[in-house]
N, C-alpha and C. Protein backbone atom coordinates (compact mmCIF):
# COMPACT_ATOMS: atom_id res chain seq x y z
N UNK A 1 -102.96 -67.68 37.51
CA UNK A 1 -102.16 -68.53 36.63
C UNK A 1 -103.07 -69.30 35.67
N UNK A 2 -102.69 -69.38 34.42
CA UNK A 2 -103.49 -70.12 33.45
C UNK A 2 -103.47 -71.61 33.80
N UNK A 3 -104.61 -72.30 33.65
CA UNK A 3 -104.64 -73.74 33.94
C UNK A 3 -103.80 -74.54 32.96
N UNK A 4 -103.40 -73.91 31.85
CA UNK A 4 -102.64 -74.64 30.85
C UNK A 4 -101.14 -74.43 31.01
N UNK A 5 -100.75 -73.58 31.96
CA UNK A 5 -99.33 -73.36 32.22
C UNK A 5 -98.84 -74.41 33.21
N UNK A 6 -97.52 -74.60 33.31
CA UNK A 6 -96.99 -75.58 34.26
C UNK A 6 -97.46 -75.28 35.67
N UNK A 7 -97.79 -76.32 36.39
CA UNK A 7 -98.21 -76.19 37.79
C UNK A 7 -97.00 -75.80 38.62
N UNK A 8 -97.18 -75.02 39.69
CA UNK A 8 -96.04 -74.65 40.53
C UNK A 8 -95.25 -75.88 40.97
N UNK A 9 -93.96 -75.83 40.79
CA UNK A 9 -93.12 -76.96 41.20
C UNK A 9 -92.92 -77.99 40.11
N UNK A 10 -93.62 -77.80 38.97
CA UNK A 10 -93.55 -78.80 37.91
C UNK A 10 -92.14 -78.98 37.39
N UNK A 11 -91.34 -77.89 37.40
CA UNK A 11 -89.99 -77.97 36.86
C UNK A 11 -89.09 -78.92 37.62
N UNK A 12 -89.47 -79.22 38.88
CA UNK A 12 -88.65 -80.10 39.71
C UNK A 12 -88.99 -81.58 39.51
N UNK A 13 -89.97 -81.85 38.65
CA UNK A 13 -90.42 -83.22 38.50
C UNK A 13 -89.34 -84.10 37.87
N UNK A 14 -89.14 -85.25 38.48
CA UNK A 14 -88.17 -86.21 37.96
C UNK A 14 -88.87 -87.40 37.32
N UNK A 15 -90.13 -87.55 37.64
CA UNK A 15 -90.89 -88.68 37.10
C UNK A 15 -91.38 -88.42 35.70
N UNK A 16 -92.17 -89.36 35.18
CA UNK A 16 -92.68 -89.26 33.82
C UNK A 16 -94.20 -89.31 33.83
N UNK A 17 -94.82 -88.33 33.19
CA UNK A 17 -96.26 -88.31 33.01
C UNK A 17 -96.59 -89.05 31.72
N UNK A 18 -97.43 -90.05 31.83
CA UNK A 18 -97.83 -90.86 30.66
C UNK A 18 -99.28 -90.53 30.33
N UNK A 19 -99.53 -90.12 29.11
CA UNK A 19 -100.90 -89.82 28.68
C UNK A 19 -101.32 -90.87 27.65
N UNK A 20 -102.40 -91.56 27.94
CA UNK A 20 -102.92 -92.59 27.04
C UNK A 20 -104.03 -91.94 26.20
N UNK A 21 -103.85 -91.99 24.88
CA UNK A 21 -104.83 -91.39 23.97
C UNK A 21 -105.22 -92.41 22.92
N UNK A 22 -106.24 -92.05 22.14
CA UNK A 22 -106.68 -92.94 21.08
C UNK A 22 -108.16 -92.78 20.81
N UNK A 23 -108.64 -93.25 19.68
CA UNK A 23 -110.05 -93.09 19.31
C UNK A 23 -110.97 -93.98 20.13
N UNK A 24 -112.25 -93.65 20.12
CA UNK A 24 -113.25 -94.49 20.77
C UNK A 24 -113.22 -95.88 20.15
N UNK A 25 -113.29 -96.89 21.01
CA UNK A 25 -113.25 -98.26 20.53
C UNK A 25 -111.86 -98.87 20.52
N UNK A 26 -110.84 -98.05 20.78
CA UNK A 26 -109.47 -98.57 20.75
C UNK A 26 -109.16 -99.41 21.99
N UNK A 27 -109.89 -99.17 23.08
CA UNK A 27 -109.69 -99.97 24.29
C UNK A 27 -108.80 -99.33 25.33
N UNK A 28 -108.74 -98.01 25.35
CA UNK A 28 -107.88 -97.31 26.32
C UNK A 28 -108.23 -97.67 27.76
N UNK A 29 -109.51 -97.53 28.11
CA UNK A 29 -109.93 -97.77 29.50
C UNK A 29 -109.62 -99.20 29.93
N UNK A 30 -109.93 -100.15 29.05
CA UNK A 30 -109.69 -101.56 29.38
C UNK A 30 -108.21 -101.84 29.60
N UNK A 31 -107.37 -101.30 28.71
CA UNK A 31 -105.93 -101.53 28.84
C UNK A 31 -105.37 -100.86 30.09
N UNK A 32 -105.86 -99.67 30.38
CA UNK A 32 -105.39 -98.99 31.59
C UNK A 32 -105.79 -99.75 32.85
N UNK A 33 -107.01 -100.30 32.86
CA UNK A 33 -107.46 -101.08 34.01
C UNK A 33 -106.60 -102.34 34.19
N UNK A 34 -106.29 -103.01 33.08
CA UNK A 34 -105.45 -104.21 33.15
C UNK A 34 -104.04 -103.87 33.62
N UNK A 35 -103.50 -102.77 33.10
CA UNK A 35 -102.15 -102.36 33.52
C UNK A 35 -102.14 -101.95 34.98
N UNK A 36 -103.21 -101.29 35.43
CA UNK A 36 -103.29 -100.87 36.84
C UNK A 36 -103.29 -102.10 37.75
N UNK A 37 -103.97 -103.14 37.34
CA UNK A 37 -103.97 -104.38 38.15
C UNK A 37 -102.57 -105.00 38.17
N UNK A 38 -101.90 -104.96 37.01
CA UNK A 38 -100.56 -105.54 36.92
C UNK A 38 -99.59 -104.83 37.87
N UNK A 39 -99.69 -103.50 37.95
CA UNK A 39 -98.76 -102.72 38.77
C UNK A 39 -99.32 -102.39 40.16
N UNK A 40 -100.38 -103.07 40.55
CA UNK A 40 -101.07 -102.73 41.81
C UNK A 40 -100.16 -102.78 43.03
N UNK A 41 -99.17 -103.64 43.02
CA UNK A 41 -98.29 -103.78 44.18
C UNK A 41 -97.15 -102.79 44.24
N UNK A 42 -97.05 -101.90 43.26
CA UNK A 42 -95.93 -100.97 43.20
C UNK A 42 -96.36 -99.58 43.64
N UNK A 43 -95.49 -98.96 44.44
CA UNK A 43 -95.78 -97.61 44.95
C UNK A 43 -95.31 -96.52 44.01
N UNK A 44 -94.57 -96.90 42.95
CA UNK A 44 -93.99 -95.89 42.05
C UNK A 44 -94.73 -95.79 40.72
N UNK A 45 -95.91 -96.42 40.61
CA UNK A 45 -96.75 -96.30 39.42
C UNK A 45 -98.15 -95.89 39.86
N UNK A 46 -98.65 -94.81 39.29
CA UNK A 46 -99.96 -94.28 39.70
C UNK A 46 -100.86 -94.13 38.49
N UNK A 47 -102.10 -94.60 38.62
CA UNK A 47 -103.09 -94.43 37.57
C UNK A 47 -104.10 -93.39 38.06
N UNK A 48 -104.11 -92.24 37.39
CA UNK A 48 -104.87 -91.09 37.85
C UNK A 48 -106.36 -91.21 37.56
N UNK A 49 -107.15 -90.82 38.53
CA UNK A 49 -108.60 -90.76 38.36
C UNK A 49 -108.97 -89.35 37.91
N UNK A 50 -109.57 -89.23 36.74
CA UNK A 50 -109.90 -87.91 36.21
C UNK A 50 -111.15 -87.33 36.87
N UNK A 51 -111.21 -86.02 36.85
CA UNK A 51 -112.42 -85.29 37.27
C UNK A 51 -113.15 -84.93 35.99
N UNK A 52 -114.43 -85.31 35.89
CA UNK A 52 -115.19 -85.09 34.66
C UNK A 52 -116.59 -84.55 34.99
N UNK A 53 -117.07 -83.64 34.16
CA UNK A 53 -118.43 -83.13 34.33
C UNK A 53 -119.42 -84.09 33.66
N UNK A 54 -119.37 -85.33 34.10
CA UNK A 54 -120.24 -86.38 33.57
C UNK A 54 -120.82 -87.14 34.75
N UNK A 55 -122.05 -87.58 34.61
CA UNK A 55 -122.71 -88.28 35.72
C UNK A 55 -121.92 -89.53 36.10
N UNK A 56 -121.89 -89.80 37.38
CA UNK A 56 -121.12 -90.94 37.91
C UNK A 56 -121.54 -92.27 37.29
N UNK A 57 -122.81 -92.41 36.96
CA UNK A 57 -123.33 -93.68 36.45
C UNK A 57 -123.38 -93.72 34.92
N UNK A 58 -122.66 -92.82 34.26
CA UNK A 58 -122.73 -92.75 32.80
C UNK A 58 -121.97 -93.88 32.11
N UNK A 59 -121.23 -94.67 32.88
CA UNK A 59 -120.46 -95.76 32.28
C UNK A 59 -119.07 -95.30 31.90
N UNK A 60 -118.27 -96.21 31.38
CA UNK A 60 -116.90 -95.86 31.01
C UNK A 60 -115.97 -95.93 32.20
N UNK A 61 -114.98 -95.07 32.21
CA UNK A 61 -113.94 -95.12 33.23
C UNK A 61 -114.44 -94.73 34.62
N UNK A 62 -113.71 -95.14 35.62
CA UNK A 62 -113.96 -94.71 36.99
C UNK A 62 -113.45 -93.28 37.12
N UNK A 63 -114.36 -92.35 37.41
CA UNK A 63 -113.96 -90.95 37.47
C UNK A 63 -114.66 -90.26 38.63
N UNK A 64 -114.16 -89.07 38.98
CA UNK A 64 -114.81 -88.25 39.97
C UNK A 64 -115.77 -87.33 39.24
N UNK A 65 -117.06 -87.49 39.49
CA UNK A 65 -118.08 -86.71 38.80
C UNK A 65 -118.35 -85.41 39.55
N UNK A 66 -118.32 -84.29 38.82
CA UNK A 66 -118.63 -83.00 39.42
C UNK A 66 -119.53 -82.22 38.47
N UNK A 67 -120.22 -81.23 39.03
CA UNK A 67 -121.05 -80.35 38.22
C UNK A 67 -120.16 -79.33 37.51
N UNK A 68 -120.74 -78.61 36.58
CA UNK A 68 -119.98 -77.54 35.90
C UNK A 68 -119.51 -76.50 36.91
N UNK A 69 -120.38 -76.18 37.87
CA UNK A 69 -120.02 -75.20 38.90
C UNK A 69 -118.89 -75.73 39.78
N UNK A 70 -118.99 -77.01 40.13
CA UNK A 70 -117.95 -77.63 40.95
C UNK A 70 -116.62 -77.67 40.23
N UNK A 71 -116.67 -77.95 38.92
CA UNK A 71 -115.45 -78.00 38.13
C UNK A 71 -114.81 -76.62 38.07
N UNK A 72 -115.64 -75.60 37.85
CA UNK A 72 -115.13 -74.22 37.77
C UNK A 72 -114.47 -73.82 39.08
N UNK A 73 -115.08 -74.22 40.19
CA UNK A 73 -114.51 -73.89 41.50
C UNK A 73 -113.16 -74.57 41.69
N UNK A 74 -113.06 -75.83 41.27
CA UNK A 74 -111.80 -76.57 41.39
C UNK A 74 -110.73 -75.93 40.50
N UNK A 75 -111.13 -75.53 39.31
CA UNK A 75 -110.17 -74.90 38.39
C UNK A 75 -109.66 -73.59 38.97
N UNK A 76 -110.56 -72.80 39.53
CA UNK A 76 -110.18 -71.50 40.12
C UNK A 76 -109.26 -71.66 41.32
N UNK A 77 -109.42 -72.76 42.05
CA UNK A 77 -108.61 -72.97 43.25
C UNK A 77 -107.28 -73.68 42.96
N UNK A 78 -107.03 -73.95 41.68
CA UNK A 78 -105.76 -74.60 41.33
C UNK A 78 -105.73 -76.09 41.57
N UNK A 79 -106.90 -76.73 41.54
CA UNK A 79 -106.98 -78.17 41.82
C UNK A 79 -106.52 -79.05 40.66
N UNK A 80 -106.31 -78.46 39.49
CA UNK A 80 -105.93 -79.25 38.33
C UNK A 80 -104.52 -78.92 37.85
N UNK A 81 -103.78 -79.95 37.49
CA UNK A 81 -102.49 -79.75 36.84
C UNK A 81 -102.74 -79.31 35.40
N UNK A 82 -103.80 -79.86 34.82
CA UNK A 82 -104.21 -79.49 33.46
C UNK A 82 -105.68 -79.86 33.31
N UNK A 83 -106.40 -79.09 32.49
CA UNK A 83 -107.79 -79.44 32.20
C UNK A 83 -108.11 -79.04 30.76
N UNK A 84 -109.17 -79.66 30.22
CA UNK A 84 -109.55 -79.39 28.83
C UNK A 84 -111.03 -79.72 28.64
N UNK A 85 -111.54 -79.31 27.50
CA UNK A 85 -112.92 -79.59 27.12
C UNK A 85 -112.94 -80.45 25.88
N UNK A 86 -113.87 -81.40 25.84
CA UNK A 86 -114.05 -82.25 24.66
C UNK A 86 -115.44 -82.87 24.70
N UNK A 87 -116.08 -82.91 23.56
CA UNK A 87 -117.39 -83.56 23.44
C UNK A 87 -118.42 -83.02 24.44
N UNK A 88 -118.34 -81.72 24.71
CA UNK A 88 -119.32 -81.11 25.62
C UNK A 88 -119.06 -81.35 27.09
N UNK A 89 -117.92 -81.95 27.42
CA UNK A 89 -117.59 -82.23 28.82
C UNK A 89 -116.26 -81.56 29.17
N UNK A 90 -116.02 -81.38 30.46
CA UNK A 90 -114.74 -80.87 30.94
C UNK A 90 -114.02 -81.97 31.70
N UNK A 91 -112.72 -82.06 31.49
CA UNK A 91 -111.89 -83.09 32.09
C UNK A 91 -110.73 -82.44 32.84
N UNK A 92 -110.39 -82.95 34.01
CA UNK A 92 -109.28 -82.41 34.77
C UNK A 92 -108.38 -83.50 35.32
N UNK A 93 -107.08 -83.21 35.31
CA UNK A 93 -106.08 -84.09 35.94
C UNK A 93 -105.70 -83.44 37.27
N UNK A 94 -105.92 -84.12 38.40
CA UNK A 94 -105.65 -83.52 39.72
C UNK A 94 -104.22 -83.03 39.86
N UNK A 95 -104.07 -81.88 40.50
CA UNK A 95 -102.75 -81.27 40.69
C UNK A 95 -101.83 -82.15 41.54
N UNK A 96 -102.40 -83.05 42.34
CA UNK A 96 -101.58 -83.89 43.22
C UNK A 96 -100.62 -84.80 42.46
N UNK A 97 -100.85 -84.97 41.14
CA UNK A 97 -99.93 -85.84 40.39
C UNK A 97 -98.50 -85.32 40.46
N UNK A 98 -98.34 -84.01 40.67
CA UNK A 98 -97.00 -83.42 40.73
C UNK A 98 -96.20 -83.95 41.92
N UNK A 99 -96.89 -84.36 42.97
CA UNK A 99 -96.21 -84.91 44.14
C UNK A 99 -95.52 -86.23 43.76
N UNK A 100 -96.27 -87.11 43.10
CA UNK A 100 -95.70 -88.39 42.67
C UNK A 100 -94.58 -88.17 41.66
N UNK A 101 -94.78 -87.23 40.74
CA UNK A 101 -93.76 -86.96 39.73
C UNK A 101 -92.48 -86.41 40.35
N UNK A 102 -92.62 -85.59 41.39
CA UNK A 102 -91.44 -85.02 42.04
C UNK A 102 -90.63 -86.10 42.75
N UNK A 103 -91.28 -87.23 43.04
CA UNK A 103 -90.59 -88.36 43.69
C UNK A 103 -89.98 -89.31 42.68
N UNK A 104 -90.09 -88.98 41.40
CA UNK A 104 -89.51 -89.84 40.38
C UNK A 104 -90.38 -91.02 40.01
N UNK A 105 -91.70 -90.88 40.21
CA UNK A 105 -92.62 -91.97 39.89
C UNK A 105 -93.17 -91.82 38.47
N UNK A 106 -93.87 -92.84 38.02
CA UNK A 106 -94.57 -92.81 36.73
C UNK A 106 -96.06 -92.65 37.00
N UNK A 107 -96.65 -91.65 36.36
CA UNK A 107 -98.09 -91.38 36.53
C UNK A 107 -98.77 -91.58 35.18
N UNK A 108 -99.86 -92.34 35.16
CA UNK A 108 -100.57 -92.65 33.92
C UNK A 108 -101.96 -92.01 33.96
N UNK A 109 -102.31 -91.31 32.89
CA UNK A 109 -103.61 -90.66 32.82
C UNK A 109 -104.26 -90.89 31.47
N UNK A 110 -105.57 -90.96 31.47
CA UNK A 110 -106.35 -91.04 30.25
C UNK A 110 -106.47 -89.62 29.71
N UNK A 111 -106.01 -89.39 28.49
CA UNK A 111 -106.01 -88.04 27.96
C UNK A 111 -106.75 -87.90 26.66
N UNK A 112 -106.41 -86.88 25.91
CA UNK A 112 -107.05 -86.59 24.63
C UNK A 112 -105.99 -86.04 23.69
N UNK A 113 -106.04 -86.48 22.44
CA UNK A 113 -105.05 -85.98 21.48
C UNK A 113 -105.15 -84.47 21.33
N UNK A 114 -106.36 -83.93 21.44
CA UNK A 114 -106.55 -82.49 21.26
C UNK A 114 -105.96 -81.68 22.42
N UNK A 115 -105.69 -82.33 23.55
CA UNK A 115 -105.18 -81.63 24.73
C UNK A 115 -103.70 -81.88 24.98
N UNK A 116 -103.02 -82.57 24.08
CA UNK A 116 -101.62 -82.94 24.34
C UNK A 116 -100.72 -81.72 24.51
N UNK A 117 -101.00 -80.63 23.80
CA UNK A 117 -100.16 -79.44 23.96
C UNK A 117 -100.27 -78.88 25.37
N UNK A 118 -101.41 -79.09 26.02
CA UNK A 118 -101.58 -78.63 27.39
C UNK A 118 -100.82 -79.52 28.36
N UNK A 119 -100.83 -80.82 28.10
CA UNK A 119 -100.03 -81.73 28.91
C UNK A 119 -98.55 -81.42 28.75
N UNK A 120 -98.13 -81.14 27.53
CA UNK A 120 -96.73 -80.86 27.28
C UNK A 120 -96.28 -79.58 28.00
N UNK A 121 -97.18 -78.60 28.08
CA UNK A 121 -96.86 -77.36 28.78
C UNK A 121 -96.77 -77.57 30.29
N UNK A 122 -97.54 -78.53 30.79
CA UNK A 122 -97.62 -78.73 32.24
C UNK A 122 -96.59 -79.70 32.79
N UNK A 123 -96.12 -80.64 31.97
CA UNK A 123 -95.24 -81.70 32.47
C UNK A 123 -93.93 -81.75 31.69
N UNK A 124 -92.80 -81.53 32.37
CA UNK A 124 -91.49 -81.53 31.72
C UNK A 124 -91.15 -82.84 31.02
N UNK A 125 -91.57 -83.95 31.63
CA UNK A 125 -91.27 -85.26 31.04
C UNK A 125 -92.60 -85.94 30.69
N UNK A 126 -92.90 -86.00 29.40
CA UNK A 126 -94.19 -86.51 28.94
C UNK A 126 -94.00 -87.64 27.95
N UNK A 127 -94.73 -88.71 28.15
CA UNK A 127 -94.76 -89.84 27.21
C UNK A 127 -96.20 -90.06 26.79
N UNK A 128 -96.41 -90.21 25.49
CA UNK A 128 -97.76 -90.44 24.97
C UNK A 128 -97.86 -91.88 24.49
N UNK A 129 -98.88 -92.59 24.95
CA UNK A 129 -99.17 -93.92 24.42
C UNK A 129 -100.43 -93.78 23.57
N UNK A 130 -100.27 -93.99 22.26
CA UNK A 130 -101.38 -93.85 21.33
C UNK A 130 -101.96 -95.24 21.04
N UNK A 131 -103.11 -95.53 21.63
CA UNK A 131 -103.76 -96.83 21.46
C UNK A 131 -104.65 -96.76 20.23
N UNK A 132 -104.41 -97.62 19.27
CA UNK A 132 -105.21 -97.64 18.06
C UNK A 132 -105.64 -99.07 17.74
N UNK A 133 -106.41 -99.19 16.69
CA UNK A 133 -106.80 -100.50 16.16
C UNK A 133 -107.17 -100.27 14.70
N UNK A 134 -107.18 -101.33 13.94
CA UNK A 134 -107.57 -101.19 12.53
C UNK A 134 -108.99 -100.65 12.43
N UNK A 135 -109.28 -99.82 11.41
CA UNK A 135 -110.61 -99.21 11.29
C UNK A 135 -111.77 -100.19 11.38
N UNK A 136 -111.61 -101.37 10.76
CA UNK A 136 -112.72 -102.33 10.80
C UNK A 136 -112.94 -102.87 12.21
N UNK A 137 -111.84 -102.95 13.00
CA UNK A 137 -111.94 -103.40 14.38
C UNK A 137 -112.64 -102.33 15.23
N UNK A 138 -112.24 -101.08 15.03
CA UNK A 138 -112.88 -99.98 15.75
C UNK A 138 -114.37 -99.93 15.43
N UNK A 139 -114.71 -100.06 14.15
CA UNK A 139 -116.12 -100.00 13.73
C UNK A 139 -116.93 -101.12 14.40
N UNK A 140 -116.36 -102.31 14.44
CA UNK A 140 -117.05 -103.45 15.05
C UNK A 140 -117.29 -103.22 16.54
N UNK A 141 -116.28 -102.69 17.23
CA UNK A 141 -116.43 -102.44 18.67
C UNK A 141 -117.45 -101.35 18.95
N UNK A 142 -117.42 -100.29 18.14
CA UNK A 142 -118.37 -99.20 18.34
C UNK A 142 -119.80 -99.64 18.04
N UNK A 143 -119.97 -100.47 17.02
CA UNK A 143 -121.31 -100.98 16.71
C UNK A 143 -121.83 -101.86 17.84
N UNK A 144 -120.93 -102.61 18.46
CA UNK A 144 -121.33 -103.49 19.56
C UNK A 144 -121.86 -102.69 20.76
N UNK A 145 -121.40 -101.45 20.92
CA UNK A 145 -121.90 -100.61 22.01
C UNK A 145 -123.35 -100.19 21.80
N UNK A 146 -123.75 -100.12 20.52
CA UNK A 146 -125.14 -99.78 20.21
C UNK A 146 -125.52 -98.34 20.43
N UNK A 147 -124.53 -97.44 20.52
CA UNK A 147 -124.84 -96.03 20.78
C UNK A 147 -124.96 -95.22 19.50
N UNK A 148 -124.41 -95.73 18.39
CA UNK A 148 -124.40 -94.98 17.13
C UNK A 148 -124.80 -95.90 15.99
N UNK A 149 -125.30 -95.29 14.90
CA UNK A 149 -125.62 -96.08 13.71
C UNK A 149 -124.34 -96.40 12.97
N UNK A 150 -124.43 -97.37 12.08
CA UNK A 150 -123.26 -97.75 11.27
C UNK A 150 -122.75 -96.56 10.48
N UNK A 151 -123.68 -95.77 9.94
CA UNK A 151 -123.30 -94.60 9.13
C UNK A 151 -122.56 -93.57 9.98
N UNK A 152 -123.05 -93.33 11.20
CA UNK A 152 -122.40 -92.37 12.10
C UNK A 152 -120.99 -92.82 12.45
N UNK A 153 -120.85 -94.11 12.68
CA UNK A 153 -119.54 -94.67 13.05
C UNK A 153 -118.55 -94.51 11.90
N UNK A 154 -118.98 -94.84 10.69
CA UNK A 154 -118.08 -94.74 9.55
C UNK A 154 -117.70 -93.28 9.29
N UNK A 155 -118.65 -92.37 9.50
CA UNK A 155 -118.36 -90.94 9.32
C UNK A 155 -117.36 -90.48 10.36
N UNK A 156 -117.51 -90.96 11.60
CA UNK A 156 -116.59 -90.60 12.67
C UNK A 156 -115.17 -91.09 12.36
N UNK A 157 -115.04 -92.33 11.89
CA UNK A 157 -113.74 -92.90 11.59
C UNK A 157 -113.08 -92.22 10.39
N UNK A 158 -113.90 -91.67 9.50
CA UNK A 158 -113.35 -91.01 8.31
C UNK A 158 -112.89 -89.59 8.60
N UNK A 159 -113.28 -89.07 9.78
CA UNK A 159 -113.01 -87.66 10.07
C UNK A 159 -111.53 -87.34 10.29
N UNK A 160 -110.79 -88.27 10.84
CA UNK A 160 -109.39 -87.91 11.12
C UNK A 160 -108.50 -89.13 11.22
N UNK A 161 -107.19 -88.89 11.13
CA UNK A 161 -106.22 -89.99 11.23
C UNK A 161 -106.14 -90.51 12.66
N UNK A 162 -105.59 -91.70 12.80
CA UNK A 162 -105.45 -92.32 14.12
C UNK A 162 -104.11 -92.00 14.76
N UNK A 163 -103.28 -91.24 14.04
CA UNK A 163 -101.96 -90.92 14.56
C UNK A 163 -101.99 -89.66 15.42
N UNK A 164 -100.91 -89.46 16.15
CA UNK A 164 -100.76 -88.26 16.98
C UNK A 164 -99.97 -87.23 16.17
N UNK A 165 -100.52 -86.04 16.05
CA UNK A 165 -99.84 -84.97 15.33
C UNK A 165 -99.13 -84.07 16.32
N UNK A 166 -97.90 -83.72 16.01
CA UNK A 166 -97.15 -82.83 16.90
C UNK A 166 -95.83 -83.45 17.33
N UNK A 167 -95.02 -82.65 17.99
CA UNK A 167 -93.69 -83.07 18.42
C UNK A 167 -93.76 -83.67 19.82
N UNK A 168 -94.18 -84.92 19.88
CA UNK A 168 -94.33 -85.62 21.16
C UNK A 168 -93.55 -86.93 21.13
N UNK A 169 -93.21 -87.41 22.32
CA UNK A 169 -92.57 -88.72 22.46
C UNK A 169 -93.69 -89.76 22.50
N UNK A 170 -93.93 -90.43 21.38
CA UNK A 170 -95.10 -91.29 21.24
C UNK A 170 -94.71 -92.76 21.10
N UNK A 171 -95.42 -93.61 21.85
CA UNK A 171 -95.32 -95.06 21.67
C UNK A 171 -96.66 -95.52 21.06
N UNK A 172 -96.60 -96.16 19.90
CA UNK A 172 -97.81 -96.65 19.24
C UNK A 172 -98.16 -98.03 19.78
N UNK A 173 -99.43 -98.23 20.10
CA UNK A 173 -99.87 -99.52 20.63
C UNK A 173 -101.11 -99.96 19.85
N UNK A 174 -100.92 -100.97 19.00
CA UNK A 174 -102.02 -101.49 18.19
C UNK A 174 -102.80 -102.54 19.00
N UNK A 175 -104.07 -102.25 19.24
CA UNK A 175 -104.91 -103.15 20.02
C UNK A 175 -105.94 -103.85 19.12
N UNK A 176 -105.49 -104.24 17.93
CA UNK A 176 -106.40 -104.94 17.01
C UNK A 176 -106.52 -106.42 17.35
N UNK A 177 -105.52 -106.94 18.02
CA UNK A 177 -105.49 -108.37 18.31
C UNK A 177 -106.05 -108.71 19.68
N UNK A 178 -105.39 -109.66 20.36
CA UNK A 178 -105.88 -110.11 21.66
C UNK A 178 -105.59 -109.07 22.73
N UNK A 179 -106.48 -109.02 23.72
CA UNK A 179 -106.33 -108.08 24.83
C UNK A 179 -105.07 -108.37 25.62
N UNK A 180 -104.75 -109.64 25.79
CA UNK A 180 -103.56 -110.03 26.56
C UNK A 180 -102.29 -109.52 25.88
N UNK A 181 -102.27 -109.60 24.55
CA UNK A 181 -101.11 -109.12 23.80
C UNK A 181 -100.96 -107.61 23.95
N UNK A 182 -102.08 -106.89 23.86
CA UNK A 182 -102.03 -105.43 23.99
C UNK A 182 -101.65 -105.02 25.41
N UNK A 183 -102.17 -105.76 26.39
CA UNK A 183 -101.82 -105.46 27.79
C UNK A 183 -100.33 -105.62 28.00
N UNK A 184 -99.75 -106.68 27.43
CA UNK A 184 -98.32 -106.91 27.59
C UNK A 184 -97.51 -105.80 26.94
N UNK A 185 -98.00 -105.28 25.82
CA UNK A 185 -97.31 -104.16 25.16
C UNK A 185 -97.30 -102.94 26.08
N UNK A 186 -98.44 -102.66 26.71
CA UNK A 186 -98.51 -101.50 27.59
C UNK A 186 -97.61 -101.69 28.80
N UNK A 187 -97.63 -102.88 29.38
CA UNK A 187 -96.78 -103.18 30.54
C UNK A 187 -95.30 -103.00 30.17
N UNK A 188 -94.92 -103.45 28.98
CA UNK A 188 -93.54 -103.33 28.53
C UNK A 188 -93.13 -101.87 28.39
N UNK A 189 -94.04 -101.04 27.84
CA UNK A 189 -93.76 -99.60 27.71
C UNK A 189 -93.56 -98.98 29.09
N UNK A 190 -94.45 -99.29 30.02
CA UNK A 190 -94.36 -98.72 31.36
C UNK A 190 -93.13 -99.23 32.11
N UNK A 191 -92.79 -100.49 31.92
CA UNK A 191 -91.58 -101.04 32.55
C UNK A 191 -90.35 -100.27 32.06
N UNK A 192 -90.33 -99.96 30.77
CA UNK A 192 -89.21 -99.21 30.21
C UNK A 192 -89.10 -97.81 30.81
N UNK A 193 -90.24 -97.17 31.06
CA UNK A 193 -90.24 -95.84 31.65
C UNK A 193 -89.80 -95.90 33.13
N UNK A 194 -90.20 -96.95 33.81
CA UNK A 194 -89.77 -97.13 35.21
C UNK A 194 -88.25 -97.31 35.28
N UNK A 195 -87.69 -98.01 34.30
CA UNK A 195 -86.24 -98.19 34.26
C UNK A 195 -85.54 -96.85 34.03
N UNK A 196 -86.20 -95.95 33.28
CA UNK A 196 -85.62 -94.63 33.01
C UNK A 196 -85.55 -93.77 34.25
N UNK A 197 -86.55 -93.85 35.11
CA UNK A 197 -86.59 -92.95 36.28
C UNK A 197 -85.86 -93.51 37.48
N UNK A 198 -85.44 -94.77 37.43
CA UNK A 198 -84.73 -95.37 38.57
C UNK A 198 -83.23 -95.42 38.32
């Protein structure tokens, strides 16, 4: 079976798969961590830990680090509901998310705009949260990381739009302002989805 096709049993899912996407510097990881803390006491909201071919200590999100060989073995054994490649790395969403979805729960995952068609093929009910910020805000945050020059950052921001292209159910979340305000926006979106599945 292709890793990009629906996982066995996916058609029975009653829950909603939420994919959080957005450019570097938009604050996806931070917002997801804050939302995860907010919903920590609920059994019907799950924040998925991705499998990535990146070293455990590389920084960024909490993820399960595996080698390229380990990732290939997991993919061959059907361990992923969906997987994709980006920026020289491989990313996987564990197949176990289908269990929570079949129970009518909401599952939240950090995704990629380039992989949304694969998520759409794998999950009958998909919601995309597109986290963005004004270009000058993104540039400031990326410069603060110190990983790229100002010229590289401006070239990166000029490469593509911040919107999601395609026929998806998208909620736009502008994180240009305060973190508390953006967190509340995300919580409100997720609360609305929880109301849909109950």
